[in-house]
Amino acid sequence: MNRLRYYSEVVSLQLVREKCNNCGMCVKVCPHEVFEMKDRKVFIAGRDFCMECGACKRNCPQNAILLNVGDGCGCAAGIIEGALKGTAPSCGGPDDGACCN
């Protein structure tokens, strides 16, 4: 997957280790592969690649992810739509095609 960078050092994403049961759901649903599973433990591998879409937070059965969902939602939809259609990401804005560069 092409790793599209969002903004450095601004993402609110946190993994609450005490709540996490290492189910890996966040790894499965994250469109930017921000989470990884290593030695049967989930960790945040690329915080700056997070676009704050909220997929991880919404799908975490343990509520172990803290995140202020931001403007990444439209970008996530654009990336997913592009992946399904085999095209470049498209956010539908004036700079269409430049989504999350």
PDB file of N, CA and C in Angstrom:
ATOM      1  N   MET A   1       0.833  -1.186   0.000  1.00  0.00           N
ATOM      2  CA  MET A   1       0.000   0.000   0.000  1.00  0.00           C
ATOM      3  C   MET A   1       0.875   1.246   0.000  1.00  0.00           C
ATOM      4  N   ASN A   2       0.480   2.235  -0.762  1.00  0.00           N
ATOM      5  CA  ASN A   2       1.166   3.509  -0.798  1.00  0.00           C
ATOM      6  C   ASN A   2       0.914   4.241   0.514  1.00  0.00           C
ATOM      7  N   ARG A   3       1.953   4.556   1.256  1.00  0.00           N
ATOM      8  CA  ARG A   3       1.809   5.213   2.567  1.00  0.00           C
ATOM      9  C   ARG A   3       1.681   6.716   2.373  1.00  0.00           C
ATOM     10  N   LEU A   4       0.467   7.221   2.487  1.00  0.00           N
ATOM     11  CA  LEU A   4       0.205   8.645   2.356  1.00  0.00           C
ATOM     12  C   LEU A   4       0.310   9.298   3.727  1.00  0.00           C
ATOM     13  N   ARG A   5       1.145  10.299   3.823  1.00  0.00           N
ATOM     14  CA  ARG A   5       1.396  10.974   5.097  1.00  0.00           C
ATOM     15  C   ARG A   5       0.357  12.067   5.310  1.00  0.00           C
ATOM     16  N   TYR A   6      -0.161  12.182   6.531  1.00  0.00           N
ATOM     17  CA  TYR A   6      -1.109  13.241   6.879  1.00  0.00           C
ATOM     18  C   TYR A   6      -0.275  14.413   7.391  1.00  0.00           C
ATOM     19  N   TYR A   7      -0.399  14.831   8.616  1.00  0.00           N
ATOM     20  CA  TYR A   7       0.402  15.909   9.185  1.00  0.00           C
ATOM     21  C   TYR A   7       1.247  15.361  10.317  1.00  0.00           C
ATOM     22  N   SER A   8       2.496  15.779  10.401  1.00  0.00           N
ATOM     23  CA  SER A   8       3.402  15.293  11.437  1.00  0.00           C
ATOM     24  C   SER A   8       3.080  15.893  12.793  1.00  0.00           C
ATOM     25  N   GLU A   9       3.118  15.046  13.811  1.00  0.00           N
ATOM     26  CA  GLU A   9       3.019  15.446  15.213  1.00  0.00           C
ATOM     27  C   GLU A   9       1.742  16.206  15.589  1.00  0.00           C
ATOM     28  N   VAL A  10       0.631  15.956  14.903  1.00  0.00           N
ATOM     29  CA  VAL A  10      -0.609  16.646  15.257  1.00  0.00           C
ATOM     30  C   VAL A  10      -1.752  15.687  15.585  1.00  0.00           C
ATOM     31  N   VAL A  11      -1.599  14.429  15.338  1.00  0.00           N
ATOM     32  CA  VAL A  11      -2.674  13.464  15.518  1.00  0.00           C
ATOM     33  C   VAL A  11      -2.890  13.153  16.994  1.00  0.00           C
ATOM     34  N   SER A  12      -4.151  13.062  17.390  1.00  0.00           N
ATOM     35  CA  SER A  12      -4.492  12.809  18.790  1.00  0.00           C
ATOM     36  C   SER A  12      -4.528  11.322  19.145  1.00  0.00           C
ATOM     37  N   LEU A  13      -4.226  10.451  18.220  1.00  0.00           N
ATOM     38  CA  LEU A  13      -4.335   9.006  18.392  1.00  0.00           C
ATOM     39  C   LEU A  13      -3.520   8.483  19.573  1.00  0.00           C
ATOM     40  N   GLN A  14      -4.195   7.696  20.427  1.00  0.00           N
ATOM     41  CA  GLN A  14      -3.530   7.024  21.546  1.00  0.00           C
ATOM     42  C   GLN A  14      -4.118   5.628  21.710  1.00  0.00           C
ATOM     43  N   LEU A  15      -3.285   4.690  22.081  1.00  0.00           N
ATOM     44  CA  LEU A  15      -3.713   3.331  22.386  1.00  0.00           C
ATOM     45  C   LEU A  15      -3.566   3.135  23.894  1.00  0.00           C
ATOM     46  N   VAL A  16      -4.681   2.850  24.562  1.00  0.00           N
ATOM     47  CA  VAL A  16      -4.670   2.646  26.016  1.00  0.00           C
ATOM     48  C   VAL A  16      -4.325   1.177  26.266  1.00  0.00           C
ATOM     49  N   ARG A  17      -3.082   0.939  26.575  1.00  0.00           N
ATOM     50  CA  ARG A  17      -2.542  -0.418  26.725  1.00  0.00           C
ATOM     51  C   ARG A  17      -3.331  -1.229  27.755  1.00  0.00           C
ATOM     52  N   GLU A  18      -3.766  -0.605  28.840  1.00  0.00           N
ATOM     53  CA  GLU A  18      -4.479  -1.313  29.909  1.00  0.00           C
ATOM     54  C   GLU A  18      -5.823  -1.861  29.449  1.00  0.00           C
ATOM     55  N   LYS A  19      -6.430  -1.247  28.441  1.00  0.00           N
ATOM     56  CA  LYS A  19      -7.726  -1.693  27.936  1.00  0.00           C
ATOM     57  C   LYS A  19      -7.602  -2.637  26.742  1.00  0.00           C
ATOM     58  N   CYS A  20      -6.506  -2.544  26.013  1.00  0.00           N
ATOM     59  CA  CYS A  20      -6.337  -3.295  24.767  1.00  0.00           C
ATOM     60  C   CYS A  20      -6.209  -4.791  25.039  1.00  0.00           C
ATOM     61  N   ASN A  21      -7.004  -5.603  24.322  1.00  0.00           N
ATOM     62  CA  ASN A  21      -6.895  -7.059  24.454  1.00  0.00           C
ATOM     63  C   ASN A  21      -6.164  -7.676  23.265  1.00  0.00           C
ATOM     64  N   ASN A  22      -5.562  -6.817  22.412  1.00  0.00           N
ATOM     65  CA  ASN A  22      -4.755  -7.244  21.266  1.00  0.00           C
ATOM     66  C   ASN A  22      -5.534  -8.090  20.266  1.00  0.00           C
ATOM     67  N   CYS A  23      -6.808  -7.735  20.055  1.00  0.00           N
ATOM     68  CA  CYS A  23      -7.641  -8.481  19.108  1.00  0.00           C
ATOM     69  C   CYS A  23      -7.237  -8.217  17.657  1.00  0.00           C
ATOM     70  N   GLY A  24      -6.622  -7.060  17.394  1.00  0.00           N
ATOM     71  CA  GLY A  24      -6.156  -6.747  16.054  1.00  0.00           C
ATOM     72  C   GLY A  24      -7.191  -6.096  15.151  1.00  0.00           C
ATOM     73  N   MET A  25      -8.353  -5.748  15.680  1.00  0.00           N
ATOM     74  CA  MET A  25      -9.377  -5.121  14.846  1.00  0.00           C
ATOM     75  C   MET A  25      -8.868  -3.797  14.264  1.00  0.00           C
ATOM     76  N   CYS A  26      -8.140  -3.024  15.048  1.00  0.00           N
ATOM     77  CA  CYS A  26      -7.605  -1.753  14.557  1.00  0.00           C
ATOM     78  C   CYS A  26      -6.653  -1.978  13.382  1.00  0.00           C
ATOM     79  N   VAL A  27      -5.887  -3.044  13.445  1.00  0.00           N
ATOM     80  CA  VAL A  27      -4.967  -3.383  12.360  1.00  0.00           C
ATOM     81  C   VAL A  27      -5.756  -3.663  11.081  1.00  0.00           C
ATOM     82  N   LYS A  28      -6.870  -4.360  11.218  1.00  0.00           N
ATOM     83  CA  LYS A  28      -7.687  -4.751  10.069  1.00  0.00           C
ATOM     84  C   LYS A  28      -8.397  -3.572   9.417  1.00  0.00           C
ATOM     85  N   VAL A  29      -8.898  -2.627  10.214  1.00  0.00           N
ATOM     86  CA  VAL A  29      -9.756  -1.576   9.655  1.00  0.00           C
ATOM     87  C   VAL A  29      -9.024  -0.293   9.279  1.00  0.00           C
ATOM     88  N   CYS A  30      -7.819  -0.098   9.719  1.00  0.00           N
ATOM     89  CA  CYS A  30      -7.103   1.151   9.443  1.00  0.00           C
ATOM     90  C   CYS A  30      -6.683   1.226   7.976  1.00  0.00           C
ATOM     91  N   PRO A  31      -7.181   2.242   7.241  1.00  0.00           N
ATOM     92  CA  PRO A  31      -6.846   2.343   5.817  1.00  0.00           C
ATOM     93  C   PRO A  31      -5.401   2.753   5.541  1.00  0.00           C
ATOM     94  N   HIS A  32      -4.680   3.230   6.549  1.00  0.00           N
ATOM     95  CA  HIS A  32      -3.294   3.661   6.346  1.00  0.00           C
ATOM     96  C   HIS A  32      -2.276   2.814   7.088  1.00  0.00           C
ATOM     97  N   GLU A  33      -2.719   1.672   7.586  1.00  0.00           N
ATOM     98  CA  GLU A  33      -1.816   0.734   8.258  1.00  0.00           C
ATOM     99  C   GLU A  33      -1.025   1.399   9.384  1.00  0.00           C
ATOM    100  N   VAL A  34      -1.715   2.173  10.190  1.00  0.00           N
ATOM    101  CA  VAL A  34      -1.097   2.872  11.312  1.00  0.00           C
ATOM    102  C   VAL A  34      -0.739   1.894  12.428  1.00  0.00           C
ATOM    103  N   PHE A  35      -1.539   0.850  12.589  1.00  0.00           N
ATOM    104  CA  PHE A  35      -1.330  -0.141  13.640  1.00  0.00           C
ATOM    105  C   PHE A  35      -0.645  -1.376  13.087  1.00  0.00           C
ATOM    106  N   GLU A  36       0.136  -2.026  13.927  1.00  0.00           N
ATOM    107  CA  GLU A  36       0.766  -3.295  13.570  1.00  0.00           C
ATOM    108  C   GLU A  36       0.631  -4.262  14.733  1.00  0.00           C
ATOM    109  N   MET A  37       0.710  -5.535  14.407  1.00  0.00           N
ATOM    110  CA  MET A  37       0.687  -6.601  15.406  1.00  0.00           C
ATOM    111  C   MET A  37       2.077  -7.232  15.392  1.00  0.00           C
ATOM    112  N   LYS A  38       2.706  -7.256  16.550  1.00  0.00           N
ATOM    113  CA  LYS A  38       4.032  -7.857  16.666  1.00  0.00           C
ATOM    114  C   LYS A  38       4.080  -8.610  17.985  1.00  0.00           C
ATOM    115  N   ASP A  39       4.501  -9.856  17.925  1.00  0.00           N
ATOM    116  CA  ASP A  39       4.546 -10.713  19.118  1.00  0.00           C
ATOM    117  C   ASP A  39       3.191 -10.741  19.824  1.00  0.00           C
ATOM    118  N   ARG A  40       2.126 -10.824  19.014  1.00  0.00           N
ATOM    119  CA  ARG A  40       0.738 -10.891  19.480  1.00  0.00           C
ATOM    120  C   ARG A  40       0.298  -9.672  20.284  1.00  0.00           C
ATOM    121  N   LYS A  41       0.949  -8.535  20.050  1.00  0.00           N
ATOM    122  CA  LYS A  41       0.567  -7.282  20.696  1.00  0.00           C
ATOM    123  C   LYS A  41       0.397  -6.200  19.622  1.00  0.00           C
ATOM    124  N   VAL A  42      -0.659  -5.410  19.791  1.00  0.00           N
ATOM    125  CA  VAL A  42      -0.931  -4.304  18.876  1.00  0.00           C
ATOM    126  C   VAL A  42      -0.139  -3.090  19.337  1.00  0.00           C
ATOM    127  N   PHE A  43       0.404  -2.360  18.370  1.00  0.00           N
ATOM    128  CA  PHE A  43       1.063  -1.099  18.690  1.00  0.00           C
ATOM    129  C   PHE A  43       0.873  -0.118  17.543  1.00  0.00           C
ATOM    130  N   ILE A  44       1.056   1.156  17.852  1.00  0.00           N
ATOM    131  CA  ILE A  44       0.964   2.198  16.830  1.00  0.00           C
ATOM    132  C   ILE A  44       2.321   2.290  16.152  1.00  0.00           C
ATOM    133  N   ALA A  45       2.357   1.959  14.867  1.00  0.00           N
ATOM    134  CA  ALA A  45       3.610   1.914  14.129  1.00  0.00           C
ATOM    135  C   ALA A  45       3.852   3.176  13.305  1.00  0.00           C
ATOM    136  N   GLY A  46       2.790   3.913  13.002  1.00  0.00           N
ATOM    137  CA  GLY A  46       2.950   5.085  12.144  1.00  0.00           C
ATOM    138  C   GLY A  46       1.936   6.169  12.455  1.00  0.00           C
ATOM    139  N   ARG A  47       2.069   6.771  13.604  1.00  0.00           N
ATOM    140  CA  ARG A  47       1.114   7.794  14.052  1.00  0.00           C
ATOM    141  C   ARG A  47       0.928   8.897  13.012  1.00  0.00           C
ATOM    142  N   ASP A  48       1.978   9.330  12.351  1.00  0.00           N
ATOM    143  CA  ASP A  48       1.878  10.424  11.373  1.00  0.00           C
ATOM    144  C   ASP A  48       1.137  10.024  10.105  1.00  0.00           C
ATOM    145  N   PHE A  49       0.840   8.753   9.942  1.00  0.00           N
ATOM    146  CA  PHE A  49       0.060   8.305   8.788  1.00  0.00           C
ATOM    147  C   PHE A  49      -1.439   8.270   9.107  1.00  0.00           C
ATOM    148  N   CYS A  50      -1.790   8.512  10.368  1.00  0.00           N
ATOM    149  CA  CYS A  50      -3.187   8.533  10.788  1.00  0.00           C
ATOM    150  C   CYS A  50      -3.873   9.770  10.228  1.00  0.00           C
ATOM    151  N   MET A  51      -5.051   9.575   9.651  1.00  0.00           N
ATOM    152  CA  MET A  51      -5.813  10.704   9.099  1.00  0.00           C
ATOM    153  C   MET A  51      -7.058  10.992   9.934  1.00  0.00           C
ATOM    154  N   GLU A  52      -7.093  10.426  11.128  1.00  0.00           N
ATOM    155  CA  GLU A  52      -8.170  10.663  12.088  1.00  0.00           C
ATOM    156  C   GLU A  52      -9.559  10.339  11.529  1.00  0.00           C
ATOM    157  N   CYS A  53      -9.650   9.264  10.767  1.00  0.00           N
ATOM    158  CA  CYS A  53     -10.947   8.885  10.192  1.00  0.00           C
ATOM    159  C   CYS A  53     -11.857   8.255  11.236  1.00  0.00           C
ATOM    160  N   GLY A  54     -11.280   7.656  12.286  1.00  0.00           N
ATOM    161  CA  GLY A  54     -12.064   7.080  13.359  1.00  0.00           C
ATOM    162  C   GLY A  54     -12.430   5.621  13.191  1.00  0.00           C
ATOM    163  N   ALA A  55     -11.985   4.975  12.128  1.00  0.00           N
ATOM    164  CA  ALA A  55     -12.327   3.564  11.906  1.00  0.00           C
ATOM    165  C   ALA A  55     -11.839   2.684  13.061  1.00  0.00           C
ATOM    166  N   CYS A  56     -10.646   2.944  13.542  1.00  0.00           N
ATOM    167  CA  CYS A  56     -10.097   2.142  14.638  1.00  0.00           C
ATOM    168  C   CYS A  56     -10.909   2.330  15.918  1.00  0.00           C
ATOM    169  N   LYS A  57     -11.207   3.570  16.228  1.00  0.00           N
ATOM    170  CA  LYS A  57     -11.958   3.879  17.453  1.00  0.00           C
ATOM    171  C   LYS A  57     -13.351   3.272  17.415  1.00  0.00           C
ATOM    172  N   ARG A  58     -14.031   3.393  16.278  1.00  0.00           N
ATOM    173  CA  ARG A  58     -15.392   2.866  16.147  1.00  0.00           C
ATOM    174  C   ARG A  58     -15.439   1.349  16.217  1.00  0.00           C
ATOM    175  N   ASN A  59     -14.378   0.688  15.810  1.00  0.00           N
ATOM    176  CA  ASN A  59     -14.374  -0.772  15.735  1.00  0.00           C
ATOM    177  C   ASN A  59     -13.641  -1.459  16.885  1.00  0.00           C
ATOM    178  N   CYS A  60     -13.093  -0.708  17.819  1.00  0.00           N
ATOM    179  CA  CYS A  60     -12.374  -1.307  18.946  1.00  0.00           C
ATOM    180  C   CYS A  60     -13.376  -1.810  19.985  1.00  0.00           C
ATOM    181  N   PRO A  61     -13.446  -3.126  20.205  1.00  0.00           N
ATOM    182  CA  PRO A  61     -14.419  -3.679  21.156  1.00  0.00           C
ATOM    183  C   PRO A  61     -14.097  -3.341  22.611  1.00  0.00           C
ATOM    184  N   GLN A  62     -12.886  -2.923  22.887  1.00  0.00           N
ATOM    185  CA  GLN A  62     -12.464  -2.625  24.256  1.00  0.00           C
ATOM    186  C   GLN A  62     -12.433  -1.124  24.553  1.00  0.00           C
ATOM    187  N   ASN A  63     -12.766  -0.298  23.564  1.00  0.00           N
ATOM    188  CA  ASN A  63     -12.657   1.167  23.723  1.00  0.00           C
ATOM    189  C   ASN A  63     -11.256   1.562  24.187  1.00  0.00           C
ATOM    190  N   ALA A  64     -10.266   0.935  23.568  1.00  0.00           N
ATOM    191  CA  ALA A  64      -8.878   1.169  23.950  1.00  0.00           C
ATOM    192  C   ALA A  64      -8.199   2.230  23.097  1.00  0.00           C
ATOM    193  N   ILE A  65      -8.943   2.836  22.194  1.00  0.00           N
ATOM    194  CA  ILE A  65      -8.351   3.835  21.314  1.00  0.00           C
ATOM    195  C   ILE A  65      -8.968   5.196  21.608  1.00  0.00           C
ATOM    196  N   LEU A  66      -8.101   6.151  21.875  1.00  0.00           N
ATOM    197  CA  LEU A  66      -8.517   7.535  22.083  1.00  0.00           C
ATOM    198  C   LEU A  66      -8.151   8.316  20.829  1.00  0.00           C
ATOM    199  N   LEU A  67      -9.124   9.058  20.311  1.00  0.00           N
ATOM    200  CA  LEU A  67      -8.892   9.792  19.073  1.00  0.00           C
ATOM    201  C   LEU A  67      -9.942  10.876  18.929  1.00  0.00           C
ATOM    202  N   ASN A  68      -9.502  12.074  18.617  1.00  0.00           N
ATOM    203  CA  ASN A  68     -10.419  13.149  18.254  1.00  0.00           C
ATOM    204  C   ASN A  68     -10.594  13.068  16.748  1.00  0.00           C
ATOM    205  N   VAL A  69     -11.721  12.536  16.324  1.00  0.00           N
ATOM    206  CA  VAL A  69     -11.953  12.340  14.898  1.00  0.00           C
ATOM    207  C   VAL A  69     -11.948  13.691  14.211  1.00  0.00           C
ATOM    208  N   GLY A  70     -11.126  13.811  13.175  1.00  0.00           N
ATOM    209  CA  GLY A  70     -10.936  15.088  12.494  1.00  0.00           C
ATOM    210  C   GLY A  70     -11.429  15.084  11.064  1.00  0.00           C
ATOM    211  N   ASP A  71     -10.737  15.843  10.245  1.00  0.00           N
ATOM    212  CA  ASP A  71     -11.124  16.030   8.856  1.00  0.00           C
ATOM    213  C   ASP A  71     -10.768  14.844   7.976  1.00  0.00           C
ATOM    214  N   GLY A  72     -10.180  13.828   8.517  1.00  0.00           N
ATOM    215  CA  GLY A  72      -9.760  12.685   7.724  1.00  0.00           C
ATOM    216  C   GLY A  72     -10.883  11.846   7.167  1.00  0.00           C
ATOM    217  N   CYS A  73     -12.113  12.025   7.657  1.00  0.00           N
ATOM    218  CA  CYS A  73     -13.224  11.181   7.215  1.00  0.00           C
ATOM    219  C   CYS A  73     -13.450  11.250   5.715  1.00  0.00           C
ATOM    220  N   GLY A  74     -13.481  12.449   5.164  1.00  0.00           N
ATOM    221  CA  GLY A  74     -13.668  12.593   3.721  1.00  0.00           C
ATOM    222  C   GLY A  74     -12.502  12.016   2.951  1.00  0.00           C
ATOM    223  N   CYS A  75     -11.325  12.170   3.516  1.00  0.00           N
ATOM    224  CA  CYS A  75     -10.130  11.635   2.881  1.00  0.00           C
ATOM    225  C   CYS A  75     -10.162  10.111   2.888  1.00  0.00           C
ATOM    226  N   ALA A  76     -10.596   9.520   3.986  1.00  0.00           N
ATOM    227  CA  ALA A  76     -10.684   8.064   4.067  1.00  0.00           C
ATOM    228  C   ALA A  76     -11.615   7.535   2.995  1.00  0.00           C
ATOM    229  N   ALA A  77     -12.762   8.188   2.842  1.00  0.00           N
ATOM    230  CA  ALA A  77     -13.720   7.764   1.816  1.00  0.00           C
ATOM    231  C   ALA A  77     -13.094   7.868   0.434  1.00  0.00           C
ATOM    232  N   GLY A  78     -12.334   8.935   0.198  1.00  0.00           N
ATOM    233  CA  GLY A  78     -11.677   9.120  -1.097  1.00  0.00           C
ATOM    234  C   GLY A  78     -10.638   8.057  -1.380  1.00  0.00           C
ATOM    235  N   ILE A  79      -9.883   7.685  -0.373  1.00  0.00           N
ATOM    236  CA  ILE A  79      -8.858   6.651  -0.533  1.00  0.00           C
ATOM    237  C   ILE A  79      -9.508   5.297  -0.798  1.00  0.00           C
ATOM    238  N   ILE A  80     -10.532   4.984  -0.022  1.00  0.00           N
ATOM    239  CA  ILE A  80     -11.214   3.699  -0.198  1.00  0.00           C
ATOM    240  C   ILE A  80     -11.884   3.624  -1.564  1.00  0.00           C
ATOM    241  N   GLU A  81     -12.550   4.706  -1.973  1.00  0.00           N
ATOM    242  CA  GLU A  81     -13.196   4.724  -3.287  1.00  0.00           C
ATOM    243  C   GLU A  81     -12.162   4.563  -4.398  1.00  0.00           C
ATOM    244  N   GLY A  82     -11.032   5.249  -4.281  1.00  0.00           N
ATOM    245  CA  GLY A  82      -9.968   5.114  -5.272  1.00  0.00           C
ATOM    246  C   GLY A  82      -9.427   3.694  -5.342  1.00  0.00           C
ATOM    247  N   ALA A  83      -9.265   3.071  -4.171  1.00  0.00           N
ATOM    248  CA  ALA A  83      -8.766   1.696  -4.136  1.00  0.00           C
ATOM    249  C   ALA A  83      -9.755   0.743  -4.800  1.00  0.00           C
ATOM    250  N   LEU A  84     -11.045   0.949  -4.559  1.00  0.00           N
ATOM    251  CA  LEU A  84     -12.062   0.081  -5.156  1.00  0.00           C
ATOM    252  C   LEU A  84     -12.162   0.264  -6.665  1.00  0.00           C
ATOM    253  N   LYS A  85     -11.994   1.502  -7.118  1.00  0.00           N
ATOM    254  CA  LYS A  85     -12.105   1.801  -8.551  1.00  0.00           C
ATOM    255  C   LYS A  85     -10.780   1.656  -9.297  1.00  0.00           C
ATOM    256  N   GLY A  86      -9.686   1.514  -8.544  1.00  0.00           N
ATOM    257  CA  GLY A  86      -8.377   1.426  -9.178  1.00  0.00           C
ATOM    258  C   GLY A  86      -7.891   2.769  -9.689  1.00  0.00           C
ATOM    259  N   THR A  87      -8.329   3.851  -9.025  1.00  0.00           N
ATOM    260  CA  THR A  87      -7.938   5.203  -9.423  1.00  0.00           C
ATOM    261  C   THR A  87      -7.191   5.880  -8.281  1.00  0.00           C
ATOM    262  N   ALA A  88      -6.743   7.103  -8.518  1.00  0.00           N
ATOM    263  CA  ALA A  88      -6.097   7.891  -7.466  1.00  0.00           C
ATOM    264  C   ALA A  88      -7.142   8.268  -6.425  1.00  0.00           C
ATOM    265  N   PRO A  89      -6.719   8.534  -5.191  1.00  0.00           N
ATOM    266  CA  PRO A  89      -7.660   8.997  -4.176  1.00  0.00           C
ATOM    267  C   PRO A  89      -8.375  10.263  -4.643  1.00  0.00           C
ATOM    268  N   SER A  90      -9.646  10.370  -4.325  1.00  0.00           N
ATOM    269  CA  SER A  90     -10.437  11.509  -4.766  1.00  0.00           C
ATOM    270  C   SER A  90     -11.341  11.969  -3.633  1.00  0.00           C
ATOM    271  N   CYS A  91     -11.047  13.145  -3.086  1.00  0.00           N
ATOM    272  CA  CYS A  91     -11.844  13.684  -1.975  1.00  0.00           C
ATOM    273  C   CYS A  91     -13.028  14.494  -2.455  1.00  0.00           C
ATOM    274  N   GLY A  92     -13.094  14.794  -3.734  1.00  0.00           N
ATOM    275  CA  GLY A  92     -14.216  15.554  -4.264  1.00  0.00           C
ATOM    276  C   GLY A  92     -14.091  17.037  -4.072  1.00  0.00           C
ATOM    277  N   GLY A  93     -12.968  17.508  -3.600  1.00  0.00           N
ATOM    278  CA  GLY A  93     -12.761  18.944  -3.368  1.00  0.00           C
ATOM    279  C   GLY A  93     -12.150  19.616  -4.582  1.00  0.00           C
ATOM    280  N   PRO A  94     -11.784  20.904  -4.437  1.00  0.00           N
ATOM    281  CA  PRO A  94     -11.221  21.646  -5.565  1.00  0.00           C
ATOM    282  C   PRO A  94      -9.883  21.094  -6.040  1.00  0.00           C
ATOM    283  N   ASP A  95      -9.143  20.449  -5.145  1.00  0.00           N
ATOM    284  CA  ASP A  95      -7.866  19.842  -5.525  1.00  0.00           C
ATOM    285  C   ASP A  95      -8.037  18.344  -5.672  1.00  0.00           C
ATOM    286  N   ASP A  96      -9.142  17.937  -6.252  1.00  0.00           N
ATOM    287  CA  ASP A  96      -9.486  16.521  -6.390  1.00  0.00           C
ATOM    288  C   ASP A  96      -8.290  15.741  -6.938  1.00  0.00           C
ATOM    289  N   GLY A  97      -7.995  14.638  -6.303  1.00  0.00           N
ATOM    290  CA  GLY A  97      -6.865  13.815  -6.696  1.00  0.00           C
ATOM    291  C   GLY A  97      -5.649  14.072  -5.820  1.00  0.00           C
ATOM    292  N   ALA A  98      -5.661  15.154  -5.050  1.00  0.00           N
ATOM    293  CA  ALA A  98      -4.535  15.489  -4.191  1.00  0.00           C
ATOM    294  C   ALA A  98      -4.810  15.115  -2.735  1.00  0.00           C
ATOM    295  N   CYS A  99      -5.737  14.220  -2.537  1.00  0.00           N
ATOM    296  CA  CYS A  99      -6.183  13.809  -1.210  1.00  0.00           C
ATOM    297  C   CYS A  99      -5.024  13.303  -0.351  1.00  0.00           C
ATOM    298  N   CYS A 100      -4.879  13.891   0.806  1.00  0.00           N
ATOM    299  CA  CYS A 100      -3.908  13.434   1.830  1.00  0.00           C
ATOM    300  C   CYS A 100      -2.483  13.306   1.327  1.00  0.00           C
ATOM    301  N   ASN A 101      -2.060  14.147   0.469  1.00  0.00           N
ATOM    302  CA  ASN A 101      -0.663  14.084  -0.003  1.00  0.00           C
ATOM    303  C   ASN A 101       0.262  14.676   1.020  1.00  0.00           C
TER     304      ASN A 101
END
